[in-house]
C-alpha atoms as a PDB file:
ATOM      1  CA  VAL A   1     -11.392  -1.135  -4.086  1.00  0.00           C
ATOM      2  CA  GLN A   2     -11.738  -0.970  -7.862  1.00  0.00           C
ATOM      3  CA  LEU A   3      -9.369  -0.921 -10.797  1.00  0.00           C
ATOM      4  CA  GLN A   4     -10.411   0.910 -13.971  1.00  0.00           C
ATOM      5  CA  ALA A   5      -8.331   0.193 -17.054  1.00  0.00           C
ATOM      6  CA  SER A   6      -8.401   2.334 -20.189  1.00  0.00           C
ATOM      7  CA  GLY A   7      -6.383   3.260 -23.249  1.00  0.00           C
ATOM      8  CA  GLY A   8      -6.821   0.239 -25.488  1.00  0.00           C
ATOM      9  CA  GLY A   9      -7.720   0.504 -29.126  1.00  0.00           C
ATOM     10  CA  LEU A  10      -6.782  -0.327 -32.687  1.00  0.00           C
ATOM     11  CA  VAL A  11      -3.234   0.486 -33.728  1.00  0.00           C
ATOM     12  CA  GLN A  12      -1.111  -0.373 -36.741  1.00  0.00           C
ATOM     13  CA  PRO A  13       1.983  -2.558 -36.400  1.00  0.00           C
ATOM     14  CA  GLY A  14       4.866  -0.421 -35.207  1.00  0.00           C
ATOM     15  CA  GLY A  15       2.515   1.963 -33.438  1.00  0.00           C
ATOM     16  CA  SER A  16       2.236   2.926 -29.779  1.00  0.00           C
ATOM     17  CA  LEU A  17      -0.379   2.939 -27.038  1.00  0.00           C
ATOM     18  CA  ARG A  18      -0.442   3.917 -23.404  1.00  0.00           C
ATOM     19  CA  LEU A  19      -2.704   1.999 -21.079  1.00  0.00           C
ATOM     20  CA  SER A  20      -3.814   3.403 -17.750  1.00  0.00           C
ATOM     21  CA  CYS A  21      -5.252   1.733 -14.689  1.00  0.00           C
ATOM     22  CA  ALA A  22      -6.770   3.924 -12.008  1.00  0.00           C
ATOM     23  CA  ALA A  23      -7.299   2.477  -8.565  1.00  0.00           C
ATOM     24  CA  SER A  24      -9.547   3.442  -5.724  1.00  0.00           C
ATOM     25  CA  GLY A  25      -8.776   2.739  -2.098  1.00  0.00           C
ATOM     26  CA  SER A  26      -5.908   3.681   0.153  1.00  0.00           C
ATOM     27  CA  ILE A  27      -3.380   0.905  -0.398  1.00  0.00           C
ATOM     28  CA  PHE A  28      -2.291   1.671  -3.958  1.00  0.00           C
ATOM     29  CA  SER A  29       1.091   3.069  -3.060  1.00  0.00           C
ATOM     30  CA  SER A  30       1.889   0.014  -0.934  1.00  0.00           C
ATOM     31  CA  SER A  31       1.008  -2.609  -3.491  1.00  0.00           C
ATOM     32  CA  THR A  32       2.866  -4.188  -6.344  1.00  0.00           C
ATOM     33  CA  MET A  33       0.892  -3.627  -9.553  1.00  0.00           C
ATOM     34  CA  GLY A  34       0.951  -5.669 -12.726  1.00  0.00           C
ATOM     35  CA  TRP A  35      -0.285  -5.738 -16.282  1.00  0.00           C
ATOM     36  CA  TYR A  36      -1.330  -9.048 -17.793  1.00  0.00           C
ATOM     37  CA  ARG A  37      -2.768  -9.907 -21.169  1.00  0.00           C
ATOM     38  CA  GLN A  38      -4.913 -12.657 -22.561  1.00  0.00           C
ATOM     39  CA  THR A  39      -4.606 -13.468 -26.234  1.00  0.00           C
ATOM     40  CA  PRO A  40      -6.956 -15.786 -28.145  1.00  0.00           C
ATOM     41  CA  GLY A  41      -6.348 -19.424 -27.290  1.00  0.00           C
ATOM     42  CA  LYS A  42      -3.820 -18.687 -24.582  1.00  0.00           C
ATOM     43  CA  GLN A  43      -3.822 -18.328 -20.836  1.00  0.00           C
ATOM     44  CA  ARG A  44      -3.491 -14.943 -19.212  1.00  0.00           C
ATOM     45  CA  GLU A  45       0.197 -14.020 -19.038  1.00  0.00           C
ATOM     46  CA  LEU A  46       2.249 -11.467 -17.201  1.00  0.00           C
ATOM     47  CA  VAL A  47       3.389  -8.504 -19.283  1.00  0.00           C
ATOM     48  CA  ALA A  48       5.015  -6.271 -16.684  1.00  0.00           C
ATOM     49  CA  ILE A  49       5.065  -5.666 -12.975  1.00  0.00           C
ATOM     50  CA  ILE A  50       6.140  -2.787 -10.743  1.00  0.00           C
ATOM     51  CA  THR A  51       6.716  -2.933  -6.997  1.00  0.00           C
ATOM     52  CA  SER A  52       5.775  -0.248  -4.521  1.00  0.00           C
ATOM     53  CA  GLY A  53       9.392   0.869  -4.631  1.00  0.00           C
ATOM     54  CA  GLY A  54       9.433   1.143  -8.402  1.00  0.00           C
ATOM     55  CA  THR A  55      11.316  -2.032  -9.296  1.00  0.00           C
ATOM     56  CA  THR A  56      10.098  -3.359 -12.626  1.00  0.00           C
ATOM     57  CA  ASN A  57      10.132  -6.672 -14.421  1.00  0.00           C
ATOM     58  CA  TYR A  58       9.011  -7.552 -17.935  1.00  0.00           C
ATOM     59  CA  ALA A  59       8.093 -10.587 -19.966  1.00  0.00           C
ATOM     60  CA  ASP A  60      10.819 -11.443 -22.442  1.00  0.00           C
ATOM     61  CA  SER A  61       8.390 -10.943 -25.326  1.00  0.00           C
ATOM     62  CA  VAL A  62       7.941  -7.232 -24.531  1.00  0.00           C
ATOM     63  CA  LYS A  63      11.336  -6.213 -23.150  1.00  0.00           C
ATOM     64  CA  GLY A  64      12.599  -3.077 -24.818  1.00  0.00           C
ATOM     65  CA  ARG A  65       9.143  -2.209 -26.182  1.00  0.00           C
ATOM     66  CA  VAL A  66       7.123  -1.728 -23.013  1.00  0.00           C
ATOM     67  CA  THR A  67       7.527   0.445 -19.933  1.00  0.00           C
ATOM     68  CA  ILE A  68       5.464   0.140 -16.777  1.00  0.00           C
ATOM     69  CA  SER A  69       5.274   3.108 -14.433  1.00  0.00           C
ATOM     70  CA  ARG A  70       3.151   4.344 -11.584  1.00  0.00           C
ATOM     71  CA  ASP A  71       1.925   7.632 -10.168  1.00  0.00           C
ATOM     72  CA  ASN A  72       1.052   7.071  -6.547  1.00  0.00           C
ATOM     73  CA  ALA A  73      -0.473  10.536  -6.163  1.00  0.00           C
ATOM     74  CA  ARG A  74      -2.935   9.685  -8.947  1.00  0.00           C
ATOM     75  CA  LYS A  75      -3.230   6.036  -7.857  1.00  0.00           C
ATOM     76  CA  THR A  76      -2.585   5.066 -11.437  1.00  0.00           C
ATOM     77  CA  VAL A  77      -0.330   2.540 -13.125  1.00  0.00           C
ATOM     78  CA  TYR A  78       0.618   2.937 -16.783  1.00  0.00           C
ATOM     79  CA  LEU A  79       1.804   0.653 -19.541  1.00  0.00           C
ATOM     80  CA  GLN A  80       3.539   2.461 -22.382  1.00  0.00           C
ATOM     81  CA  MET A  81       3.796   0.172 -25.375  1.00  0.00           C
ATOM     82  CA  SER A  82       5.712   0.932 -28.562  1.00  0.00           C
ATOM     83  CA  ASN A  83       6.715  -0.907 -31.722  1.00  0.00           C
ATOM     84  CA  LEU A  84       3.557  -2.959 -31.319  1.00  0.00           C
ATOM     85  CA  ARG A  85       3.216  -6.253 -33.149  1.00  0.00           C
ATOM     86  CA  PRO A  86       0.144  -8.236 -34.218  1.00  0.00           C
ATOM     87  CA  GLU A  87       0.978 -10.816 -31.555  1.00  0.00           C
ATOM     88  CA  ASP A  88       0.510  -8.128 -28.894  1.00  0.00           C
ATOM     89  CA  THR A  89      -3.213  -8.197 -29.667  1.00  0.00           C
ATOM     90  CA  GLY A  90      -5.289  -9.157 -26.667  1.00  0.00           C
ATOM     91  CA  VAL A  91      -7.184  -7.987 -23.632  1.00  0.00           C
ATOM     92  CA  TYR A  92      -4.921  -6.246 -21.141  1.00  0.00           C
ATOM     93  CA  TYR A  93      -5.733  -6.423 -17.442  1.00  0.00           C
ATOM     94  CA  CYS A  94      -4.238  -4.584 -14.518  1.00  0.00           C
ATOM     95  CA  TYR A  95      -3.756  -6.434 -11.253  1.00  0.00           C
ATOM     96  CA  GLN A  96      -3.238  -5.301  -7.704  1.00  0.00           C
ATOM     97  CA  VAL A  97      -1.188  -7.890  -5.858  1.00  0.00           C
ATOM     98  CA  MET A  98      -2.072  -6.861  -2.297  1.00  0.00           C
ATOM     99  CA  THR A  99      -5.804  -7.316  -2.862  1.00  0.00           C
ATOM    100  CA  SER A 100      -5.674  -9.914  -5.673  1.00  0.00           C
ATOM    101  CA  LEU A 101      -7.975  -7.578  -7.575  1.00  0.00           C
ATOM    102  CA  TRP A 102      -8.264  -7.514 -11.376  1.00  0.00           C
ATOM    103  CA  GLY A 103      -9.373  -4.613 -13.503  1.00  0.00           C
ATOM    104  CA  GLN A 104     -12.011  -5.106 -16.179  1.00  0.00           C
ATOM    105  CA  GLY A 105      -9.609  -5.328 -19.115  1.00  0.00           C
ATOM    106  CA  THR A 106      -9.001  -3.154 -22.123  1.00  0.00           C
ATOM    107  CA  LEU A 107      -8.709  -4.503 -25.670  1.00  0.00           C
ATOM    108  CA  VAL A 108      -5.593  -3.843 -27.727  1.00  0.00           C
ATOM    109  CA  THR A 109      -5.744  -4.746 -31.406  1.00  0.00           C
ATOM    110  CA  VAL A 110      -2.630  -4.472 -33.540  1.00  0.00           C
ATOM    111  CA  SER A 111      -3.534  -4.760 -37.179  1.00  0.00           C
ATOM    112  CA  SER A 112      -3.035  -3.043 -40.494  1.00  0.00           C
END
């Protein structure tokens, strides 16, 4: 099983990005999936999580600006981020709970 994250990049404050995480393997639809981020000098923190049934939960710091979704047919989980702030800068990782597997990370830089 592998997780392949993509979609990071440089964006101005107030801008938007959509991250994607494509999974291999047969258990995707059964597993809770999450997005985490690691910012300089801080521990990796949860950004958003979505259960197999579609229930979502968000960190307080991103509520109202971020939406996590999944497409089980494509075995892909998405993180739509808007109104981005400089403090959102970091490496974003997807995580598959059932396998405890991490993706390789994708860098998001919010800067003018």
